[in-house]
N, C-alpha and C. Protein backbone atom coordinates (compact mmCIF):
# COMPACT_ATOMS: atom_id res chain seq x y z
N MET A 1 -27.60 47.57 5.48
CA MET A 1 -26.95 47.02 4.23
C MET A 1 -27.57 47.72 3.04
N THR A 2 -26.67 48.05 2.18
CA THR A 2 -27.15 48.85 0.93
C THR A 2 -27.65 47.93 -0.13
N ASP A 3 -28.82 48.25 -0.69
CA ASP A 3 -29.33 47.57 -1.88
C ASP A 3 -28.72 47.97 -3.08
N THR A 4 -28.25 47.03 -3.92
CA THR A 4 -27.60 47.38 -5.20
C THR A 4 -28.31 46.34 -6.25
N THR A 5 -27.96 46.72 -7.51
CA THR A 5 -28.52 45.95 -8.61
C THR A 5 -27.30 45.54 -9.53
N LEU A 6 -27.54 44.47 -10.30
CA LEU A 6 -26.56 44.03 -11.28
C LEU A 6 -27.40 43.44 -12.31
N CYS A 7 -27.19 43.89 -13.58
CA CYS A 7 -27.96 43.37 -14.73
C CYS A 7 -27.05 42.94 -15.88
N PHE A 8 -27.35 41.79 -16.38
CA PHE A 8 -26.57 41.22 -17.56
C PHE A 8 -27.54 41.18 -18.83
N LEU A 9 -26.95 41.54 -19.94
CA LEU A 9 -27.74 41.29 -21.12
C LEU A 9 -27.32 40.08 -21.66
N LEU A 10 -28.35 39.28 -22.31
CA LEU A 10 -28.09 38.01 -22.94
C LEU A 10 -28.54 38.15 -24.35
N ARG A 11 -27.79 37.47 -25.29
CA ARG A 11 -28.27 37.49 -26.64
C ARG A 11 -27.90 36.02 -27.28
N GLN A 12 -28.81 35.67 -28.12
CA GLN A 12 -28.66 34.46 -28.87
C GLN A 12 -27.81 34.68 -30.15
N CYS A 13 -26.89 33.85 -30.53
CA CYS A 13 -25.98 33.94 -31.65
C CYS A 13 -26.41 32.82 -32.55
N LYS A 14 -25.59 32.59 -33.58
CA LYS A 14 -25.91 31.59 -34.61
C LYS A 14 -25.95 30.22 -33.86
N GLY A 15 -26.80 29.38 -34.32
CA GLY A 15 -26.90 28.00 -33.68
C GLY A 15 -27.32 28.08 -32.20
N ASP A 16 -26.76 27.29 -31.37
CA ASP A 16 -27.09 27.34 -30.05
C ASP A 16 -26.20 28.31 -29.17
N ALA A 17 -25.27 29.00 -29.82
CA ALA A 17 -24.36 29.90 -29.05
C ALA A 17 -25.20 31.00 -28.40
N LYS A 18 -24.72 31.34 -27.18
CA LYS A 18 -25.40 32.42 -26.47
C LYS A 18 -24.32 33.20 -25.80
N GLN A 19 -24.48 34.50 -25.73
CA GLN A 19 -23.50 35.51 -25.23
C GLN A 19 -24.08 36.29 -24.05
N ILE A 20 -23.18 36.68 -23.19
CA ILE A 20 -23.47 37.59 -22.03
C ILE A 20 -22.65 38.85 -22.21
N LEU A 21 -23.31 40.01 -21.82
CA LEU A 21 -22.64 41.26 -21.85
C LEU A 21 -22.00 41.51 -20.49
N LEU A 22 -20.60 41.49 -20.45
CA LEU A 22 -19.85 41.90 -19.29
C LEU A 22 -19.37 43.25 -19.46
N GLY A 23 -19.00 43.94 -18.49
CA GLY A 23 -18.29 45.32 -18.62
C GLY A 23 -17.05 45.35 -17.82
N LEU A 24 -16.04 45.97 -18.27
CA LEU A 24 -14.80 46.16 -17.59
C LEU A 24 -14.98 47.45 -16.74
N LYS A 25 -14.85 47.29 -15.40
CA LYS A 25 -15.06 48.40 -14.51
C LYS A 25 -13.90 49.32 -14.58
N LYS A 26 -14.07 50.63 -14.88
CA LYS A 26 -12.99 51.57 -15.07
C LYS A 26 -12.80 52.39 -13.82
N LEU A 27 -13.79 52.48 -13.00
CA LEU A 27 -13.73 53.34 -11.84
C LEU A 27 -14.24 52.73 -10.57
N GLY A 28 -13.90 53.18 -9.45
CA GLY A 28 -14.54 52.70 -8.17
C GLY A 28 -14.31 51.27 -7.77
N LEU A 29 -15.27 50.88 -6.85
CA LEU A 29 -15.31 49.44 -6.24
C LEU A 29 -15.29 48.49 -7.45
N GLY A 30 -14.35 47.51 -7.56
CA GLY A 30 -14.21 46.52 -8.62
C GLY A 30 -13.49 47.07 -9.78
N MET A 31 -12.77 48.11 -9.72
CA MET A 31 -12.07 48.70 -10.89
C MET A 31 -11.10 47.57 -11.45
N GLY A 32 -11.12 47.41 -12.71
CA GLY A 32 -10.27 46.38 -13.45
C GLY A 32 -10.92 45.00 -13.54
N LYS A 33 -12.03 44.80 -12.99
CA LYS A 33 -12.69 43.57 -13.07
C LYS A 33 -13.90 43.59 -14.08
N LEU A 34 -14.18 42.52 -14.65
CA LEU A 34 -15.40 42.31 -15.49
C LEU A 34 -16.64 42.02 -14.58
N ASN A 35 -17.72 42.55 -14.90
CA ASN A 35 -18.90 42.54 -14.06
C ASN A 35 -20.15 42.73 -14.96
N GLY A 36 -21.27 42.60 -14.29
CA GLY A 36 -22.48 43.02 -14.95
C GLY A 36 -22.63 44.56 -14.73
N PHE A 37 -23.77 45.10 -15.03
CA PHE A 37 -23.94 46.57 -14.96
C PHE A 37 -24.95 46.93 -13.83
N GLY A 38 -24.67 47.75 -12.99
CA GLY A 38 -25.45 48.05 -11.82
C GLY A 38 -24.95 49.02 -10.88
N GLY A 39 -25.62 49.24 -9.77
CA GLY A 39 -25.18 50.15 -8.71
C GLY A 39 -26.25 50.24 -7.62
N LYS A 40 -26.13 51.29 -6.90
CA LYS A 40 -27.02 51.53 -5.76
C LYS A 40 -28.34 51.92 -6.17
N VAL A 41 -29.33 51.40 -5.28
CA VAL A 41 -30.81 51.85 -5.45
C VAL A 41 -30.87 53.25 -4.76
N LYS A 42 -31.40 54.13 -5.49
CA LYS A 42 -31.72 55.50 -4.93
C LYS A 42 -33.04 55.59 -4.17
N ALA A 43 -33.13 56.54 -3.21
CA ALA A 43 -34.23 56.73 -2.38
C ALA A 43 -35.52 56.91 -3.42
N GLY A 44 -36.59 56.22 -3.09
CA GLY A 44 -37.78 56.34 -3.81
C GLY A 44 -37.80 55.51 -5.13
N GLU A 45 -36.86 54.77 -5.36
CA GLU A 45 -36.58 53.90 -6.56
C GLU A 45 -36.94 52.54 -6.26
N SER A 46 -37.63 51.82 -7.09
CA SER A 46 -37.78 50.38 -6.87
C SER A 46 -36.46 49.74 -7.34
N ILE A 47 -36.31 48.50 -6.89
CA ILE A 47 -35.12 47.75 -7.29
C ILE A 47 -35.08 47.61 -8.81
N GLU A 48 -36.18 47.24 -9.47
CA GLU A 48 -36.30 47.21 -10.94
C GLU A 48 -35.94 48.53 -11.58
N GLU A 49 -36.49 49.61 -11.14
CA GLU A 49 -36.15 50.89 -11.68
C GLU A 49 -34.78 51.23 -11.60
N ALA A 50 -34.09 50.83 -10.45
CA ALA A 50 -32.66 51.11 -10.32
C ALA A 50 -31.81 50.26 -11.31
N ALA A 51 -32.24 49.08 -11.53
CA ALA A 51 -31.54 48.17 -12.46
C ALA A 51 -31.66 48.78 -13.91
N VAL A 52 -32.82 49.22 -14.23
CA VAL A 52 -32.95 49.83 -15.63
C VAL A 52 -32.20 51.02 -15.78
N ARG A 53 -32.27 51.97 -14.73
CA ARG A 53 -31.42 53.20 -14.80
C ARG A 53 -29.89 52.98 -14.91
N GLU A 54 -29.41 52.02 -13.99
CA GLU A 54 -28.02 51.77 -13.91
C GLU A 54 -27.52 51.14 -15.28
N LEU A 55 -28.37 50.24 -15.85
CA LEU A 55 -28.00 49.59 -17.12
C LEU A 55 -27.86 50.73 -18.15
N TYR A 56 -28.78 51.63 -18.25
CA TYR A 56 -28.73 52.72 -19.19
C TYR A 56 -27.48 53.57 -19.00
N GLU A 57 -27.25 54.01 -17.70
CA GLU A 57 -26.14 54.91 -17.31
C GLU A 57 -24.83 54.20 -17.71
N GLU A 58 -24.71 52.88 -17.66
CA GLU A 58 -23.36 52.27 -17.88
C GLU A 58 -23.22 51.73 -19.29
N THR A 59 -24.36 51.57 -20.10
CA THR A 59 -24.20 51.02 -21.40
C THR A 59 -24.83 51.88 -22.49
N GLY A 60 -25.79 52.78 -22.11
CA GLY A 60 -26.50 53.47 -23.12
C GLY A 60 -27.68 52.55 -23.69
N VAL A 61 -27.86 51.39 -23.08
CA VAL A 61 -28.94 50.50 -23.48
C VAL A 61 -30.17 50.72 -22.68
N MET A 62 -31.37 50.73 -23.25
CA MET A 62 -32.62 50.98 -22.58
C MET A 62 -33.44 49.70 -22.50
N ALA A 63 -33.73 49.30 -21.36
CA ALA A 63 -34.61 48.20 -21.09
C ALA A 63 -35.80 48.88 -20.20
N THR A 64 -36.75 48.07 -19.87
CA THR A 64 -37.89 48.57 -19.12
C THR A 64 -38.01 47.52 -17.92
N PRO A 65 -38.72 47.89 -16.95
CA PRO A 65 -38.80 46.84 -15.80
C PRO A 65 -39.45 45.60 -16.31
N ARG A 66 -40.27 45.63 -17.40
CA ARG A 66 -40.85 44.37 -17.90
C ARG A 66 -39.92 43.57 -18.72
N ASP A 67 -38.74 44.14 -19.08
CA ASP A 67 -37.88 43.51 -19.98
C ASP A 67 -36.77 42.76 -19.13
N ILE A 68 -36.77 43.01 -17.83
CA ILE A 68 -35.73 42.34 -16.98
C ILE A 68 -36.40 41.27 -16.04
N THR A 69 -35.58 40.32 -15.69
CA THR A 69 -36.04 39.23 -14.94
C THR A 69 -35.15 39.08 -13.75
N LYS A 70 -35.55 39.06 -12.40
CA LYS A 70 -34.73 38.89 -11.23
C LYS A 70 -34.35 37.33 -11.31
N VAL A 71 -33.06 37.05 -11.19
CA VAL A 71 -32.57 35.77 -11.16
C VAL A 71 -31.71 35.40 -9.93
N GLY A 72 -31.34 36.39 -9.18
CA GLY A 72 -30.57 36.10 -7.99
C GLY A 72 -30.59 37.22 -6.97
N GLU A 73 -30.15 36.86 -5.81
CA GLU A 73 -30.03 37.87 -4.76
C GLU A 73 -28.91 37.41 -3.87
N MET A 74 -27.86 38.26 -3.74
CA MET A 74 -26.63 37.87 -2.89
C MET A 74 -26.33 38.93 -1.91
N ALA A 75 -25.94 38.53 -0.76
CA ALA A 75 -25.47 39.38 0.26
C ALA A 75 -23.98 39.31 0.32
N PHE A 76 -23.27 40.46 0.28
CA PHE A 76 -21.79 40.52 0.38
C PHE A 76 -21.32 41.23 1.62
N PHE A 77 -20.39 40.47 2.38
CA PHE A 77 -19.86 41.16 3.54
C PHE A 77 -18.30 41.29 3.45
N PHE A 78 -17.79 42.44 3.76
CA PHE A 78 -16.35 42.72 3.71
C PHE A 78 -15.99 43.19 5.10
N PRO A 79 -15.61 42.21 5.97
CA PRO A 79 -15.27 42.57 7.45
C PRO A 79 -14.15 43.47 7.61
N ALA A 80 -13.22 43.48 6.62
CA ALA A 80 -12.04 44.39 6.74
C ALA A 80 -12.25 45.77 6.43
N VAL A 81 -13.44 46.10 5.82
CA VAL A 81 -13.78 47.46 5.32
C VAL A 81 -14.75 48.05 6.29
N PRO A 82 -14.39 49.26 6.84
CA PRO A 82 -15.41 49.95 7.80
C PRO A 82 -16.83 50.05 7.19
N GLU A 83 -17.87 49.66 7.95
CA GLU A 83 -19.12 49.69 7.43
C GLU A 83 -19.61 50.89 6.81
N GLU A 84 -19.21 52.02 7.28
CA GLU A 84 -19.59 53.31 6.62
C GLU A 84 -19.22 53.53 5.13
N GLU A 85 -18.20 52.71 4.76
CA GLU A 85 -17.77 52.83 3.34
C GLU A 85 -18.67 52.13 2.44
N GLY A 86 -19.68 51.35 2.92
CA GLY A 86 -20.74 50.84 2.07
C GLY A 86 -20.41 49.67 1.28
N TRP A 87 -19.36 48.94 1.51
CA TRP A 87 -19.07 47.72 0.77
C TRP A 87 -20.02 46.51 1.08
N ASN A 88 -20.50 46.55 2.24
CA ASN A 88 -21.51 45.44 2.56
C ASN A 88 -22.86 45.73 1.72
N GLN A 89 -23.36 44.74 1.03
CA GLN A 89 -24.54 45.01 0.21
C GLN A 89 -25.34 43.87 -0.13
N ARG A 90 -26.53 44.11 -0.37
CA ARG A 90 -27.54 43.01 -0.91
C ARG A 90 -27.61 43.39 -2.35
N MET A 91 -27.28 42.45 -3.22
CA MET A 91 -27.29 42.78 -4.59
C MET A 91 -28.41 41.93 -5.32
N HIS A 92 -29.20 42.62 -6.06
CA HIS A 92 -30.34 42.02 -6.77
C HIS A 92 -29.84 41.88 -8.24
N ILE A 93 -29.90 40.61 -8.72
CA ILE A 93 -29.30 40.27 -10.00
C ILE A 93 -30.47 40.08 -11.03
N PHE A 94 -30.33 40.68 -12.27
CA PHE A 94 -31.31 40.56 -13.32
C PHE A 94 -30.63 40.07 -14.61
N PHE A 95 -31.54 39.52 -15.45
CA PHE A 95 -31.14 39.26 -16.85
C PHE A 95 -32.06 40.08 -17.66
N ALA A 96 -31.60 40.54 -18.83
CA ALA A 96 -32.40 41.25 -19.80
C ALA A 96 -32.18 40.54 -21.11
N ASN A 97 -33.26 40.08 -21.75
CA ASN A 97 -33.15 39.46 -23.15
C ASN A 97 -33.66 40.43 -24.10
N GLU A 98 -34.24 41.53 -23.80
CA GLU A 98 -34.75 42.51 -24.77
C GLU A 98 -34.40 43.99 -24.34
N TRP A 99 -34.00 44.73 -25.26
CA TRP A 99 -33.52 46.11 -24.99
C TRP A 99 -33.51 46.84 -26.27
N GLU A 100 -33.31 48.29 -26.09
CA GLU A 100 -33.24 49.09 -27.18
C GLU A 100 -31.90 49.72 -27.24
N GLY A 101 -31.15 49.89 -28.41
CA GLY A 101 -29.94 50.42 -28.54
C GLY A 101 -28.76 49.35 -28.51
N GLU A 102 -27.54 49.84 -28.77
CA GLU A 102 -26.40 49.03 -28.71
C GLU A 102 -25.48 49.48 -27.60
N PRO A 103 -24.92 48.52 -26.73
CA PRO A 103 -24.07 48.92 -25.75
C PRO A 103 -22.82 49.71 -26.13
N VAL A 104 -22.57 50.82 -25.47
CA VAL A 104 -21.48 51.74 -25.72
C VAL A 104 -20.62 51.83 -24.56
N GLU A 105 -19.32 52.10 -24.71
CA GLU A 105 -18.34 52.40 -23.57
C GLU A 105 -18.80 53.73 -22.94
N THR A 106 -18.69 53.73 -21.58
CA THR A 106 -19.01 54.94 -20.87
C THR A 106 -17.86 55.26 -19.97
N ASP A 107 -17.91 56.34 -19.17
CA ASP A 107 -16.72 56.68 -18.34
C ASP A 107 -16.56 55.56 -17.33
N GLU A 108 -17.62 54.80 -16.90
CA GLU A 108 -17.50 53.84 -15.91
C GLU A 108 -17.14 52.44 -16.42
N MET A 109 -17.68 52.03 -17.68
CA MET A 109 -17.60 50.68 -18.06
C MET A 109 -17.37 50.58 -19.55
N ARG A 110 -16.62 49.46 -19.87
CA ARG A 110 -16.29 49.15 -21.27
C ARG A 110 -16.97 47.76 -21.54
N PRO A 111 -18.05 47.71 -22.32
CA PRO A 111 -18.72 46.52 -22.48
C PRO A 111 -17.92 45.48 -23.42
N GLU A 112 -18.18 44.15 -23.16
CA GLU A 112 -17.67 43.04 -23.88
C GLU A 112 -18.54 41.86 -23.91
N TRP A 113 -19.00 41.53 -25.15
CA TRP A 113 -19.82 40.27 -25.27
C TRP A 113 -18.86 39.04 -25.13
N VAL A 114 -19.30 38.12 -24.32
CA VAL A 114 -18.54 36.86 -23.98
C VAL A 114 -19.45 35.66 -24.24
N ASP A 115 -18.89 34.66 -24.79
CA ASP A 115 -19.71 33.38 -24.95
C ASP A 115 -19.92 32.86 -23.56
N ILE A 116 -21.06 32.33 -23.26
CA ILE A 116 -21.45 31.93 -21.94
C ILE A 116 -20.72 30.65 -21.55
N ASN A 117 -20.11 29.97 -22.54
CA ASN A 117 -19.28 28.72 -22.26
C ASN A 117 -17.82 29.06 -22.13
N ASN A 118 -17.53 30.27 -22.09
CA ASN A 118 -16.09 30.74 -21.97
C ASN A 118 -16.01 32.00 -21.20
N ILE A 119 -16.65 32.07 -20.07
CA ILE A 119 -16.57 33.17 -19.18
C ILE A 119 -15.26 33.37 -18.51
N PRO A 120 -14.70 34.49 -18.60
CA PRO A 120 -13.29 34.64 -17.90
C PRO A 120 -13.44 34.96 -16.39
N PHE A 121 -13.73 33.97 -15.65
CA PHE A 121 -13.82 34.15 -14.19
C PHE A 121 -12.55 34.69 -13.53
N ASP A 122 -11.47 34.35 -14.12
CA ASP A 122 -10.19 34.90 -13.56
C ASP A 122 -10.03 36.47 -13.60
N ARG A 123 -11.03 37.10 -14.36
CA ARG A 123 -10.99 38.57 -14.51
C ARG A 123 -12.27 39.17 -13.71
N MET A 124 -12.87 38.35 -12.91
CA MET A 124 -14.13 38.77 -12.21
C MET A 124 -13.95 38.58 -10.63
N TRP A 125 -14.99 39.03 -9.97
CA TRP A 125 -15.00 38.85 -8.54
C TRP A 125 -15.01 37.30 -8.28
N ALA A 126 -14.38 36.91 -7.15
CA ALA A 126 -14.26 35.47 -6.83
C ALA A 126 -15.66 34.77 -6.62
N ASP A 127 -16.66 35.54 -6.19
CA ASP A 127 -17.93 34.90 -5.94
C ASP A 127 -18.60 34.55 -7.25
N ASP A 128 -18.44 35.21 -8.35
CA ASP A 128 -19.12 35.05 -9.62
C ASP A 128 -19.06 33.59 -10.14
N ARG A 129 -17.91 32.86 -9.85
CA ARG A 129 -17.81 31.59 -10.39
C ARG A 129 -18.67 30.56 -9.67
N HIS A 130 -19.22 31.01 -8.58
CA HIS A 130 -20.17 30.06 -7.77
C HIS A 130 -21.64 30.29 -8.29
N TRP A 131 -22.09 31.54 -8.48
CA TRP A 131 -23.49 31.67 -8.72
C TRP A 131 -23.85 31.99 -10.21
N LEU A 132 -22.92 32.46 -10.97
CA LEU A 132 -23.21 32.86 -12.33
C LEU A 132 -23.49 31.64 -13.17
N PRO A 133 -22.77 30.59 -13.08
CA PRO A 133 -23.04 29.46 -13.90
C PRO A 133 -24.52 28.82 -13.61
N LEU A 134 -24.93 29.00 -12.35
CA LEU A 134 -26.27 28.45 -11.99
C LEU A 134 -27.40 29.33 -12.63
N ILE A 135 -27.25 30.66 -12.57
CA ILE A 135 -28.31 31.52 -13.22
C ILE A 135 -28.32 31.36 -14.73
N LEU A 136 -27.16 30.95 -15.24
CA LEU A 136 -27.10 30.83 -16.76
C LEU A 136 -27.84 29.59 -17.23
N ILE A 137 -28.03 28.64 -16.26
CA ILE A 137 -28.81 27.41 -16.61
C ILE A 137 -30.20 27.52 -16.03
N ASN A 138 -30.70 28.77 -15.86
CA ASN A 138 -32.04 29.12 -15.39
C ASN A 138 -32.36 28.79 -13.98
N LYS A 139 -31.46 28.65 -13.13
CA LYS A 139 -31.68 28.48 -11.67
C LYS A 139 -31.80 29.86 -11.05
N LEU A 140 -32.72 29.97 -10.14
CA LEU A 140 -32.75 31.14 -9.23
C LEU A 140 -31.99 30.87 -8.02
N VAL A 141 -31.16 31.83 -7.61
CA VAL A 141 -30.33 31.56 -6.49
C VAL A 141 -30.24 32.76 -5.53
N LYS A 142 -30.09 32.34 -4.26
CA LYS A 142 -29.89 33.31 -3.12
C LYS A 142 -28.78 32.92 -2.32
N GLY A 143 -27.88 33.84 -1.95
CA GLY A 143 -26.70 33.44 -1.23
C GLY A 143 -26.09 34.53 -0.42
N SER A 144 -25.02 34.24 0.34
CA SER A 144 -24.26 35.29 1.07
C SER A 144 -22.82 34.87 1.00
N PHE A 145 -21.92 35.83 0.86
CA PHE A 145 -20.45 35.62 0.72
C PHE A 145 -19.76 36.57 1.70
N VAL A 146 -18.88 36.03 2.39
CA VAL A 146 -18.03 36.77 3.38
C VAL A 146 -16.57 36.66 2.81
N PHE A 147 -16.04 37.80 2.58
CA PHE A 147 -14.71 37.83 2.05
C PHE A 147 -13.60 38.00 3.10
N ASN A 148 -12.43 37.55 2.81
CA ASN A 148 -11.26 37.61 3.61
C ASN A 148 -10.81 39.09 3.78
N GLY A 149 -9.78 39.28 4.53
CA GLY A 149 -9.29 40.60 4.77
C GLY A 149 -8.64 41.24 3.51
N ASP A 150 -8.26 40.44 2.58
CA ASP A 150 -7.75 40.97 1.24
C ASP A 150 -8.85 41.51 0.39
N ASN A 151 -10.03 41.37 0.68
CA ASN A 151 -11.27 41.79 0.04
C ASN A 151 -11.39 41.25 -1.35
N GLU A 152 -10.68 40.18 -1.59
CA GLU A 152 -10.68 39.42 -2.97
C GLU A 152 -11.16 37.99 -2.83
N SER A 153 -10.52 37.23 -1.91
CA SER A 153 -10.81 35.88 -1.67
C SER A 153 -12.01 35.72 -0.77
N ILE A 154 -12.64 34.54 -0.87
CA ILE A 154 -13.88 34.25 -0.04
C ILE A 154 -13.56 33.43 1.26
N ARG A 155 -13.94 33.93 2.31
CA ARG A 155 -13.79 33.18 3.57
C ARG A 155 -14.82 32.13 3.79
N HIS A 156 -16.11 32.45 3.37
CA HIS A 156 -17.22 31.50 3.60
C HIS A 156 -18.30 31.95 2.74
N PHE A 157 -19.12 31.01 2.24
CA PHE A 157 -20.32 31.30 1.46
C PHE A 157 -21.41 30.25 1.62
N VAL A 158 -22.63 30.78 1.37
CA VAL A 158 -23.78 29.87 1.35
C VAL A 158 -24.57 30.26 0.18
N LEU A 159 -25.03 29.16 -0.59
CA LEU A 159 -25.77 29.43 -1.90
C LEU A 159 -26.83 28.44 -1.97
N ASP A 160 -28.05 28.97 -2.19
CA ASP A 160 -29.25 28.11 -2.43
C ASP A 160 -29.97 28.40 -3.63
N GLU A 161 -30.54 27.30 -4.24
CA GLU A 161 -31.52 27.46 -5.19
C GLU A 161 -32.84 27.83 -4.61
N VAL A 162 -33.59 28.74 -5.16
CA VAL A 162 -34.91 29.09 -4.61
C VAL A 162 -35.93 29.12 -5.56
N GLU A 163 -37.23 29.11 -5.17
CA GLU A 163 -38.37 29.09 -6.16
C GLU A 163 -38.71 30.41 -6.63
N GLY A 164 -38.40 31.48 -5.88
CA GLY A 164 -38.64 32.85 -6.24
C GLY A 164 -38.18 33.71 -5.14
N PHE A 165 -38.43 35.12 -5.21
CA PHE A 165 -37.90 36.11 -4.28
C PHE A 165 -39.10 36.78 -3.67
N ASP A 166 -38.88 37.15 -2.32
CA ASP A 166 -39.95 37.81 -1.63
C ASP A 166 -40.12 39.32 -2.14
């Protein structure tokens, strides 16, 4: 199973308003969907280093491993896709509250700040509506999702709150 990362930037706005940075995927797996920023972990790279690298490559924003916090770990299974295509993955999810630079559009992603109380789940992967609200209220979560043959809808999932990650 391929290890991948997903990182979300969070910012405080006026009053109690909080926003999350999502990106419109312009290429590859998930094209046309809003998502966080991330990708595959390279050989010799830690999960945290991969999250920082992917965030920079997809937004131009620089964080450091100390600026990101792991908030979730999900396993995704796509039985209709041949395993060698690499869709099955273990995704390590991070939040970043501090970074340098302003998000910019890249060849792969177009960033969009979204109010955390108005997340457009209809433009995202089907699993996001299950775990993203939990991590936004400071829950740590671990789960697995099995997708149907359409690679869009969910056949089965398990989601648990955890105290931490191994």
